[in-house]
Amino acid sequence: QLQASGGGFVQPGGSLRLSCAASGRTFNTVTMGWFRQAPGKEREFVSAFRSSDRSSSVADAVKGRFTISRDNVKNTVYLQMNSLKPEDTAVYYCAAKGGPALSSDYAQYDYWGQGTQVTVSS
């Protein structure tokens, strides 16, 4: 089970940190990712993290502004979001998958959190 939190309302240029806590099983050997979905748009990849070698990938749209990290002891993955823009407004979902591939395809992910709303507006 994945529980996402940390969303909220922020002005452009602000920051938020999303958290995704995993329970029920250990996710130390899987890949975890963040996706987002804005109203009327398809779900899109944001970032993914592979625990085995601490590698990560990030979408071009958020590169240089968002950072993914993971605390294996707490079984939690984080998404630090800086320099937020109105176009970052969306529901953000965390997800987990088996295997090492840092996939940007949401269909490859088996487990999903409930989503947390991020709104960037002045």
N, C-alpha and C. Protein backbone atom coordinates (compact mmCIF):
# COMPACT_ATOMS: atom_id res chain seq x y z
N GLN A 1 0.86 -1.20 0.00
CA GLN A 1 0.00 0.00 0.00
C GLN A 1 0.89 1.25 0.00
N LEU A 2 0.50 2.23 -0.81
CA LEU A 2 1.25 3.47 -0.91
C LEU A 2 0.37 4.63 -0.46
N GLN A 3 0.92 5.49 0.37
CA GLN A 3 0.18 6.62 0.90
C GLN A 3 0.93 7.90 0.56
N ALA A 4 0.37 8.71 -0.33
CA ALA A 4 1.00 9.97 -0.74
C ALA A 4 0.48 11.11 0.10
N SER A 5 1.36 12.07 0.36
CA SER A 5 0.97 13.24 1.13
C SER A 5 1.89 14.40 0.78
N GLY A 6 1.55 15.59 1.27
CA GLY A 6 2.42 16.73 1.10
C GLY A 6 1.95 17.75 0.08
N GLY A 7 0.87 17.45 -0.62
CA GLY A 7 0.37 18.40 -1.59
C GLY A 7 -0.23 19.62 -0.92
N GLY A 8 -0.55 20.61 -1.74
CA GLY A 8 -1.14 21.81 -1.18
C GLY A 8 -1.17 22.92 -2.20
N PHE A 9 -1.40 24.12 -1.69
CA PHE A 9 -1.48 25.32 -2.52
C PHE A 9 -0.20 26.13 -2.32
N VAL A 10 0.40 26.55 -3.42
CA VAL A 10 1.64 27.32 -3.31
C VAL A 10 1.68 28.34 -4.45
N GLN A 11 2.33 29.45 -4.20
CA GLN A 11 2.48 30.46 -5.22
C GLN A 11 3.60 30.08 -6.19
N PRO A 12 3.56 30.61 -7.40
CA PRO A 12 4.65 30.35 -8.35
C PRO A 12 6.01 30.70 -7.75
N GLY A 13 6.96 29.84 -7.99
CA GLY A 13 8.28 30.01 -7.43
C GLY A 13 8.47 29.33 -6.09
N GLY A 14 7.38 28.85 -5.51
CA GLY A 14 7.45 28.20 -4.21
C GLY A 14 7.89 26.75 -4.30
N SER A 15 7.90 26.10 -3.14
CA SER A 15 8.36 24.72 -3.04
C SER A 15 7.39 23.87 -2.24
N LEU A 16 7.38 22.60 -2.56
CA LEU A 16 6.65 21.61 -1.79
C LEU A 16 7.46 20.33 -1.79
N ARG A 17 7.27 19.51 -0.76
CA ARG A 17 7.86 18.18 -0.76
C ARG A 17 6.76 17.15 -0.58
N LEU A 18 6.65 16.29 -1.54
CA LEU A 18 5.69 15.20 -1.47
C LEU A 18 6.36 13.97 -0.86
N SER A 19 5.57 13.22 -0.12
CA SER A 19 6.05 11.98 0.48
C SER A 19 5.16 10.83 0.05
N CYS A 20 5.75 9.67 -0.07
CA CYS A 20 4.99 8.47 -0.40
C CYS A 20 5.49 7.36 0.52
N ALA A 21 4.67 7.01 1.47
CA ALA A 21 5.03 5.98 2.44
C ALA A 21 4.48 4.63 1.99
N ALA A 22 5.35 3.63 2.00
CA ALA A 22 4.96 2.29 1.61
C ALA A 22 4.75 1.42 2.85
N SER A 23 3.72 0.65 2.84
CA SER A 23 3.45 -0.24 3.96
C SER A 23 2.99 -1.59 3.44
N GLY A 24 3.09 -2.57 4.26
CA GLY A 24 2.59 -3.89 3.90
C GLY A 24 3.64 -4.80 3.29
N ARG A 25 4.68 -4.22 2.77
CA ARG A 25 5.77 -5.00 2.24
C ARG A 25 6.96 -4.08 2.05
N THR A 26 8.14 -4.64 1.91
CA THR A 26 9.30 -3.82 1.69
C THR A 26 9.44 -3.48 0.22
N PHE A 27 9.77 -2.23 -0.06
CA PHE A 27 9.95 -1.79 -1.43
C PHE A 27 11.41 -1.50 -1.73
N ASN A 28 12.27 -2.08 -0.94
CA ASN A 28 13.68 -1.78 -1.12
C ASN A 28 14.25 -2.30 -2.43
N THR A 29 13.60 -3.27 -3.03
CA THR A 29 14.13 -3.85 -4.25
C THR A 29 13.33 -3.47 -5.48
N VAL A 30 12.45 -2.51 -5.37
CA VAL A 30 11.64 -2.14 -6.50
C VAL A 30 11.94 -0.70 -6.91
N THR A 31 11.39 -0.33 -8.04
CA THR A 31 11.50 1.04 -8.54
C THR A 31 10.25 1.81 -8.14
N MET A 32 10.44 3.01 -7.66
CA MET A 32 9.30 3.85 -7.30
C MET A 32 9.30 5.10 -8.16
N GLY A 33 8.11 5.56 -8.45
CA GLY A 33 8.01 6.70 -9.34
C GLY A 33 6.92 7.66 -8.93
N TRP A 34 6.99 8.83 -9.53
CA TRP A 34 5.94 9.84 -9.38
C TRP A 34 5.37 10.17 -10.76
N PHE A 35 4.06 10.27 -10.79
CA PHE A 35 3.36 10.69 -11.99
C PHE A 35 2.41 11.82 -11.59
N ARG A 36 1.91 12.53 -12.59
CA ARG A 36 0.93 13.57 -12.30
C ARG A 36 -0.12 13.61 -13.40
N GLN A 37 -1.26 14.10 -13.03
CA GLN A 37 -2.35 14.22 -14.00
C GLN A 37 -3.11 15.51 -13.75
N ALA A 38 -3.10 16.36 -14.76
CA ALA A 38 -3.85 17.61 -14.71
C ALA A 38 -5.24 17.38 -15.31
N PRO A 39 -6.19 18.21 -14.96
CA PRO A 39 -7.55 18.04 -15.49
C PRO A 39 -7.56 18.04 -17.02
N GLY A 40 -8.20 17.05 -17.58
CA GLY A 40 -8.31 16.96 -19.02
C GLY A 40 -7.08 16.47 -19.74
N LYS A 41 -6.07 16.07 -18.97
CA LYS A 41 -4.83 15.60 -19.59
C LYS A 41 -4.53 14.17 -19.15
N GLU A 42 -3.66 13.54 -19.90
CA GLU A 42 -3.26 12.19 -19.56
C GLU A 42 -2.25 12.21 -18.40
N ARG A 43 -2.19 11.08 -17.72
CA ARG A 43 -1.20 10.95 -16.66
C ARG A 43 0.20 10.98 -17.28
N GLU A 44 1.09 11.76 -16.67
CA GLU A 44 2.42 11.89 -17.23
C GLU A 44 3.49 11.58 -16.18
N PHE A 45 4.58 11.09 -16.67
CA PHE A 45 5.72 10.73 -15.84
C PHE A 45 6.40 11.97 -15.29
N VAL A 46 6.80 11.88 -14.04
CA VAL A 46 7.56 12.97 -13.42
C VAL A 46 8.98 12.51 -13.10
N SER A 47 9.08 11.43 -12.32
CA SER A 47 10.40 10.99 -11.90
C SER A 47 10.32 9.56 -11.37
N ALA A 48 11.47 8.87 -11.40
CA ALA A 48 11.54 7.51 -10.87
C ALA A 48 12.87 7.29 -10.18
N PHE A 49 12.87 6.36 -9.24
CA PHE A 49 14.07 6.10 -8.42
C PHE A 49 14.26 4.61 -8.28
N ARG A 50 15.50 4.18 -8.48
CA ARG A 50 15.84 2.77 -8.36
C ARG A 50 16.74 2.60 -7.15
N SER A 51 16.29 1.79 -6.20
CA SER A 51 17.00 1.65 -4.93
C SER A 51 18.32 0.92 -5.05
N SER A 52 18.42 -0.02 -5.99
CA SER A 52 19.60 -0.88 -6.06
C SER A 52 20.88 -0.08 -6.24
N ASP A 53 20.84 0.97 -7.04
CA ASP A 53 22.03 1.79 -7.25
C ASP A 53 21.75 3.27 -7.07
N ARG A 54 20.57 3.56 -6.53
CA ARG A 54 20.14 4.94 -6.26
C ARG A 54 20.14 5.79 -7.53
N SER A 55 19.87 5.15 -8.64
CA SER A 55 19.73 5.91 -9.89
C SER A 55 18.34 6.51 -9.98
N SER A 56 18.23 7.56 -10.75
CA SER A 56 16.94 8.21 -10.92
C SER A 56 16.80 8.75 -12.33
N SER A 57 15.58 9.00 -12.70
CA SER A 57 15.30 9.68 -13.96
C SER A 57 14.25 10.74 -13.70
N VAL A 58 14.23 11.75 -14.52
CA VAL A 58 13.29 12.85 -14.31
C VAL A 58 12.83 13.36 -15.67
N ALA A 59 11.58 13.75 -15.73
CA ALA A 59 11.03 14.28 -16.98
C ALA A 59 11.67 15.62 -17.32
N ASP A 60 11.79 15.88 -18.60
CA ASP A 60 12.39 17.14 -19.05
C ASP A 60 11.64 18.35 -18.50
N ALA A 61 10.33 18.22 -18.36
CA ALA A 61 9.51 19.36 -17.93
C ALA A 61 9.84 19.83 -16.51
N VAL A 62 10.44 18.95 -15.72
CA VAL A 62 10.72 19.30 -14.32
C VAL A 62 12.20 19.19 -13.99
N LYS A 63 13.00 18.87 -14.97
CA LYS A 63 14.44 18.71 -14.73
C LYS A 63 15.05 20.00 -14.20
N GLY A 64 15.86 19.84 -13.17
CA GLY A 64 16.49 21.01 -12.57
C GLY A 64 15.65 21.65 -11.48
N ARG A 65 14.39 21.24 -11.38
CA ARG A 65 13.50 21.81 -10.37
C ARG A 65 13.00 20.75 -9.38
N PHE A 66 12.81 19.55 -9.83
CA PHE A 66 12.30 18.47 -8.98
C PHE A 66 13.41 17.46 -8.72
N THR A 67 13.41 16.93 -7.50
CA THR A 67 14.39 15.92 -7.12
C THR A 67 13.68 14.78 -6.38
N ILE A 68 13.97 13.57 -6.81
CA ILE A 68 13.40 12.40 -6.15
C ILE A 68 14.44 11.78 -5.23
N SER A 69 13.99 11.30 -4.11
CA SER A 69 14.90 10.63 -3.18
C SER A 69 14.11 9.58 -2.41
N ARG A 70 14.83 8.76 -1.68
CA ARG A 70 14.17 7.66 -0.99
C ARG A 70 14.88 7.37 0.32
N ASP A 71 14.10 7.08 1.32
CA ASP A 71 14.60 6.66 2.62
C ASP A 71 14.18 5.20 2.81
N ASN A 72 15.11 4.29 2.66
CA ASN A 72 14.78 2.87 2.75
C ASN A 72 14.37 2.45 4.15
N VAL A 73 14.93 3.11 5.14
CA VAL A 73 14.58 2.76 6.52
C VAL A 73 13.12 3.09 6.78
N LYS A 74 12.68 4.24 6.29
CA LYS A 74 11.29 4.67 6.48
C LYS A 74 10.37 4.14 5.39
N ASN A 75 10.94 3.47 4.40
CA ASN A 75 10.16 2.97 3.27
C ASN A 75 9.36 4.10 2.63
N THR A 76 10.01 5.21 2.43
CA THR A 76 9.34 6.40 1.93
C THR A 76 10.14 6.99 0.78
N VAL A 77 9.44 7.42 -0.25
CA VAL A 77 10.06 8.14 -1.36
C VAL A 77 9.55 9.57 -1.35
N TYR A 78 10.42 10.50 -1.68
CA TYR A 78 10.09 11.91 -1.62
C TYR A 78 10.22 12.53 -3.02
N LEU A 79 9.48 13.59 -3.22
CA LEU A 79 9.64 14.41 -4.42
C LEU A 79 9.74 15.86 -3.96
N GLN A 80 10.94 16.38 -4.01
CA GLN A 80 11.17 17.78 -3.66
C GLN A 80 10.92 18.61 -4.91
N MET A 81 9.98 19.54 -4.80
CA MET A 81 9.58 20.35 -5.95
C MET A 81 9.90 21.81 -5.65
N ASN A 82 10.81 22.36 -6.42
CA ASN A 82 11.20 23.76 -6.26
C ASN A 82 10.83 24.55 -7.51
N SER A 83 10.83 25.86 -7.37
CA SER A 83 10.53 26.75 -8.50
C SER A 83 9.26 26.32 -9.21
N LEU A 84 8.23 26.09 -8.43
CA LEU A 84 6.99 25.58 -9.00
C LEU A 84 6.34 26.59 -9.93
N LYS A 85 5.71 26.05 -10.96
CA LYS A 85 5.04 26.86 -11.97
C LYS A 85 3.55 26.49 -12.02
N PRO A 86 2.72 27.38 -12.52
CA PRO A 86 1.29 27.04 -12.63
C PRO A 86 1.05 25.75 -13.43
N GLU A 87 1.89 25.48 -14.40
CA GLU A 87 1.70 24.27 -15.20
C GLU A 87 2.06 22.99 -14.44
N ASP A 88 2.60 23.14 -13.24
CA ASP A 88 2.84 21.96 -12.39
C ASP A 88 1.59 21.54 -11.63
N THR A 89 0.55 22.33 -11.74
CA THR A 89 -0.69 22.01 -11.05
C THR A 89 -1.27 20.69 -11.56
N ALA A 90 -1.49 19.77 -10.64
CA ALA A 90 -1.98 18.44 -11.01
C ALA A 90 -2.20 17.63 -9.74
N VAL A 91 -2.80 16.48 -9.92
CA VAL A 91 -2.80 15.47 -8.86
C VAL A 91 -1.56 14.63 -9.07
N TYR A 92 -0.79 14.48 -8.01
CA TYR A 92 0.46 13.73 -8.09
C TYR A 92 0.26 12.36 -7.45
N TYR A 93 0.72 11.35 -8.15
CA TYR A 93 0.58 9.97 -7.71
C TYR A 93 1.96 9.33 -7.56
N CYS A 94 2.11 8.56 -6.50
CA CYS A 94 3.31 7.73 -6.40
C CYS A 94 2.95 6.31 -6.82
N ALA A 95 3.95 5.62 -7.29
CA ALA A 95 3.72 4.27 -7.81
C ALA A 95 4.96 3.42 -7.59
N ALA A 96 4.77 2.12 -7.63
CA ALA A 96 5.89 1.19 -7.44
C ALA A 96 5.78 0.05 -8.45
N LYS A 97 6.92 -0.45 -8.84
CA LYS A 97 6.97 -1.56 -9.80
C LYS A 97 8.13 -2.48 -9.45
N GLY A 98 8.03 -3.69 -9.85
CA GLY A 98 9.14 -4.61 -9.70
C GLY A 98 10.12 -4.40 -10.83
N GLY A 99 11.34 -4.86 -10.66
CA GLY A 99 12.33 -4.75 -11.71
C GLY A 99 13.05 -3.42 -11.67
N PRO A 100 14.23 -3.36 -12.29
CA PRO A 100 15.11 -2.19 -12.18
C PRO A 100 14.84 -1.07 -13.18
N ALA A 101 14.02 -1.30 -14.16
CA ALA A 101 13.87 -0.29 -15.20
C ALA A 101 13.24 0.99 -14.66
N LEU A 102 13.86 2.11 -14.98
CA LEU A 102 13.32 3.42 -14.58
C LEU A 102 12.28 3.84 -15.62
N SER A 103 11.19 3.12 -15.61
CA SER A 103 10.20 3.30 -16.66
C SER A 103 9.39 4.58 -16.49
N SER A 104 9.12 5.23 -17.61
CA SER A 104 8.25 6.40 -17.62
C SER A 104 6.83 6.05 -18.06
N ASP A 105 6.61 4.76 -18.27
CA ASP A 105 5.31 4.28 -18.72
C ASP A 105 4.47 3.88 -17.51
N TYR A 106 3.39 4.59 -17.27
CA TYR A 106 2.61 4.32 -16.06
C TYR A 106 2.04 2.92 -16.08
N ALA A 107 1.86 2.33 -17.25
CA ALA A 107 1.30 0.98 -17.33
C ALA A 107 2.25 -0.07 -16.76
N GLN A 108 3.52 0.29 -16.59
CA GLN A 108 4.49 -0.66 -16.04
C GLN A 108 4.45 -0.73 -14.52
N TYR A 109 3.74 0.17 -13.90
CA TYR A 109 3.70 0.25 -12.45
C TYR A 109 2.50 -0.52 -11.91
N ASP A 110 2.77 -1.32 -10.88
CA ASP A 110 1.74 -2.23 -10.36
C ASP A 110 0.97 -1.67 -9.17
N TYR A 111 1.61 -0.82 -8.40
CA TYR A 111 0.99 -0.30 -7.17
C TYR A 111 0.92 1.21 -7.24
N TRP A 112 -0.20 1.74 -6.77
CA TRP A 112 -0.43 3.17 -6.85
C TRP A 112 -0.96 3.72 -5.54
N GLY A 113 -0.52 4.93 -5.21
CA GLY A 113 -1.08 5.66 -4.09
C GLY A 113 -2.33 6.38 -4.53
N GLN A 114 -2.96 7.07 -3.59
CA GLN A 114 -4.25 7.68 -3.85
C GLN A 114 -4.16 9.04 -4.53
N GLY A 115 -2.99 9.63 -4.59
CA GLY A 115 -2.84 10.94 -5.21
C GLY A 115 -2.94 12.07 -4.21
N THR A 116 -2.20 13.12 -4.48
CA THR A 116 -2.24 14.32 -3.65
C THR A 116 -2.24 15.53 -4.57
N GLN A 117 -3.11 16.49 -4.26
CA GLN A 117 -3.31 17.64 -5.15
C GLN A 117 -2.22 18.69 -4.91
N VAL A 118 -1.65 19.16 -5.99
CA VAL A 118 -0.72 20.28 -5.96
C VAL A 118 -1.30 21.39 -6.83
N THR A 119 -1.46 22.56 -6.24
CA THR A 119 -1.99 23.71 -6.97
C THR A 119 -1.00 24.86 -6.87
N VAL A 120 -0.58 25.35 -8.03
CA VAL A 120 0.36 26.46 -8.09
C VAL A 120 -0.35 27.64 -8.74
N SER A 121 -0.54 28.67 -7.96
CA SER A 121 -1.31 29.81 -8.46
C SER A 121 -1.00 31.04 -7.64
N SER A 122 -1.10 32.18 -8.28
CA SER A 122 -0.92 33.44 -7.57
C SER A 122 -2.27 34.00 -7.13
